[in-house]
Protein backbone atom coordinates (compact mmCIF):
# COMPACT_ATOMS: atom_id res chain seq x y z
CA GLN A 1 10.34 12.50 10.03
CA VAL A 2 9.30 10.43 7.04
CA GLN A 3 7.14 11.60 4.19
CA LEU A 4 5.18 9.17 2.04
CA VAL A 5 4.00 10.20 -1.39
CA GLU A 6 1.40 7.93 -2.93
CA SER A 7 0.30 7.82 -6.52
CA GLY A 8 -1.39 5.58 -9.02
CA GLY A 9 -4.98 5.61 -7.85
CA GLY A 10 -7.83 6.20 -10.20
CA VAL A 11 -11.08 4.91 -11.63
CA VAL A 12 -11.05 1.55 -13.38
CA GLU A 13 -13.60 -0.95 -14.59
CA ALA A 14 -14.13 -4.24 -12.82
CA GLY A 15 -11.51 -6.71 -13.95
CA GLY A 16 -9.03 -3.97 -14.63
CA SER A 17 -5.64 -3.31 -13.13
CA LEU A 18 -3.88 -0.52 -11.32
CA ARG A 19 -0.44 -0.02 -9.85
CA LEU A 20 0.05 2.06 -6.73
CA THR A 21 3.36 3.61 -5.79
CA CYS A 22 4.50 4.88 -2.41
CA ALA A 23 7.80 6.71 -2.26
CA ALA A 24 9.31 7.47 1.13
CA SER A 25 11.64 10.35 1.87
CA GLY A 26 13.15 12.00 4.90
CA HIS A 27 14.51 9.90 7.74
CA THR A 28 14.09 6.56 6.00
CA ALA A 29 17.05 4.72 7.50
CA GLY A 30 16.31 1.41 9.15
CA VAL A 31 13.09 0.39 7.42
CA ASN A 32 11.43 -2.60 9.04
CA ALA A 33 8.47 -2.94 6.72
CA MET A 34 6.18 -1.10 4.40
CA GLY A 35 2.61 -1.91 3.61
CA TRP A 36 -0.70 -0.92 2.17
CA PHE A 37 -3.97 -0.46 4.02
CA ARG A 38 -7.34 0.55 2.69
CA GLN A 39 -10.49 2.11 4.05
CA ALA A 40 -13.83 2.16 2.32
CA PRO A 41 -16.45 4.76 3.28
CA GLY A 42 -18.12 3.81 6.54
CA LYS A 43 -15.82 0.84 7.06
CA GLU A 44 -12.77 0.19 9.18
CA ARG A 45 -9.26 0.46 7.86
CA GLU A 46 -7.85 -2.93 6.96
CA ILE A 47 -4.47 -4.23 5.99
CA VAL A 48 -4.11 -5.17 2.35
CA ALA A 49 -0.49 -6.24 2.04
CA SER A 50 2.85 -5.72 3.69
CA ILE A 51 6.44 -6.55 2.96
CA ARG A 52 9.38 -6.85 5.29
CA TRP A 53 12.35 -4.81 4.13
CA SER A 54 14.89 -7.44 4.99
CA GLY A 55 14.15 -10.63 3.13
CA GLY A 56 10.99 -9.40 1.45
CA SER A 57 8.53 -11.62 3.30
CA GLN A 58 5.03 -10.71 2.14
CA TYR A 59 1.61 -10.77 3.73
CA TYR A 60 -1.72 -10.49 1.94
CA ALA A 61 -5.24 -10.18 3.18
CA ASP A 62 -7.37 -13.13 2.13
CA SER A 63 -9.62 -10.83 0.14
CA VAL A 64 -6.80 -9.80 -2.20
CA LYS A 65 -4.56 -12.84 -2.20
CA GLY A 66 -3.89 -14.00 -5.73
CA ARG A 67 -4.95 -10.67 -7.22
CA PHE A 68 -2.63 -8.11 -5.62
CA THR A 69 1.15 -8.16 -5.45
CA ILE A 70 3.33 -6.03 -3.21
CA SER A 71 6.93 -5.31 -4.10
CA ARG A 72 9.68 -2.97 -3.03
CA ASN A 73 12.64 -1.05 -4.37
CA ILE A 74 15.14 -0.91 -1.54
CA ALA A 75 17.38 1.69 -3.17
CA LEU A 76 14.44 4.05 -3.67
CA THR A 77 12.66 3.23 -0.39
CA THR A 78 9.58 2.70 -2.47
CA VAL A 79 6.81 0.15 -2.28
CA TYR A 80 4.37 -0.82 -5.00
CA LEU A 81 1.04 -2.54 -5.06
CA GLN A 82 -0.08 -4.19 -8.26
CA LEU A 83 -3.84 -4.56 -8.21
CA ASN A 84 -5.20 -7.03 -10.75
CA ASP A 85 -8.69 -8.32 -11.42
CA LEU A 86 -10.15 -5.43 -9.51
CA LYS A 87 -13.60 -5.79 -8.02
CA PRO A 88 -16.06 -3.11 -6.90
CA GLU A 89 -15.43 -4.13 -3.30
CA ASP A 90 -11.82 -3.04 -3.74
CA THR A 91 -13.03 0.56 -3.91
CA ALA A 92 -11.37 2.43 -1.06
CA VAL A 93 -8.75 4.94 -0.12
CA TYR A 94 -5.44 3.11 -0.08
CA TYR A 95 -2.89 4.23 2.48
CA CYS A 96 0.81 3.52 2.55
CA ASN A 97 2.56 2.79 5.84
CA ILE A 98 6.20 2.58 6.83
CA ARG A 99 7.73 1.27 10.03
CA THR A 100 11.35 2.06 10.86
CA ARG A 101 13.66 1.49 13.78
CA TRP A 102 13.51 5.21 14.56
CA ALA A 103 9.79 5.85 14.38
CA PRO A 104 7.38 5.09 17.20
CA ASP A 105 4.67 2.58 16.43
CA PRO A 106 2.69 2.64 14.12
CA GLY A 107 5.20 4.51 12.00
CA TYR A 108 4.11 6.92 9.31
CA TRP A 109 1.15 7.06 6.98
CA GLY A 110 0.71 8.44 3.53
CA GLN A 111 -2.10 10.77 2.57
CA GLY A 112 -4.00 8.05 0.76
CA THR A 113 -4.88 7.52 -2.86
CA GLN A 114 -8.39 6.79 -4.08
CA VAL A 115 -9.10 3.60 -5.97
CA THR A 116 -12.55 3.35 -7.49
CA VAL A 117 -13.69 0.23 -9.31
CA SER A 118 -16.84 0.58 -11.36
CA SER A 119 -19.18 -2.27 -12.18
């Protein structure tokens, strides 16, 4: 199995920045992609950003494009999400996801880390 440990969440003022980290361990061979999703209270979970392990192709939700940046450290099987110019609507639990060649879809999820943006 794969374990995902997320960190970096917290409470920030609007316009502030935060950096989330997701470190994978366990059976992490053959990573296809890692990504970040978020879920606000009473709302559906939505994709925020993802990055393919080979080549580093990135995807961003329109709502965060230009403000958030996803990156990876291949050697550490770790993905980061830099959140800049945070807005109150970014408040949510942010979940890390990993997809590997050995894990059935949808792969594994982290426990989530809370991001709260105050106005």
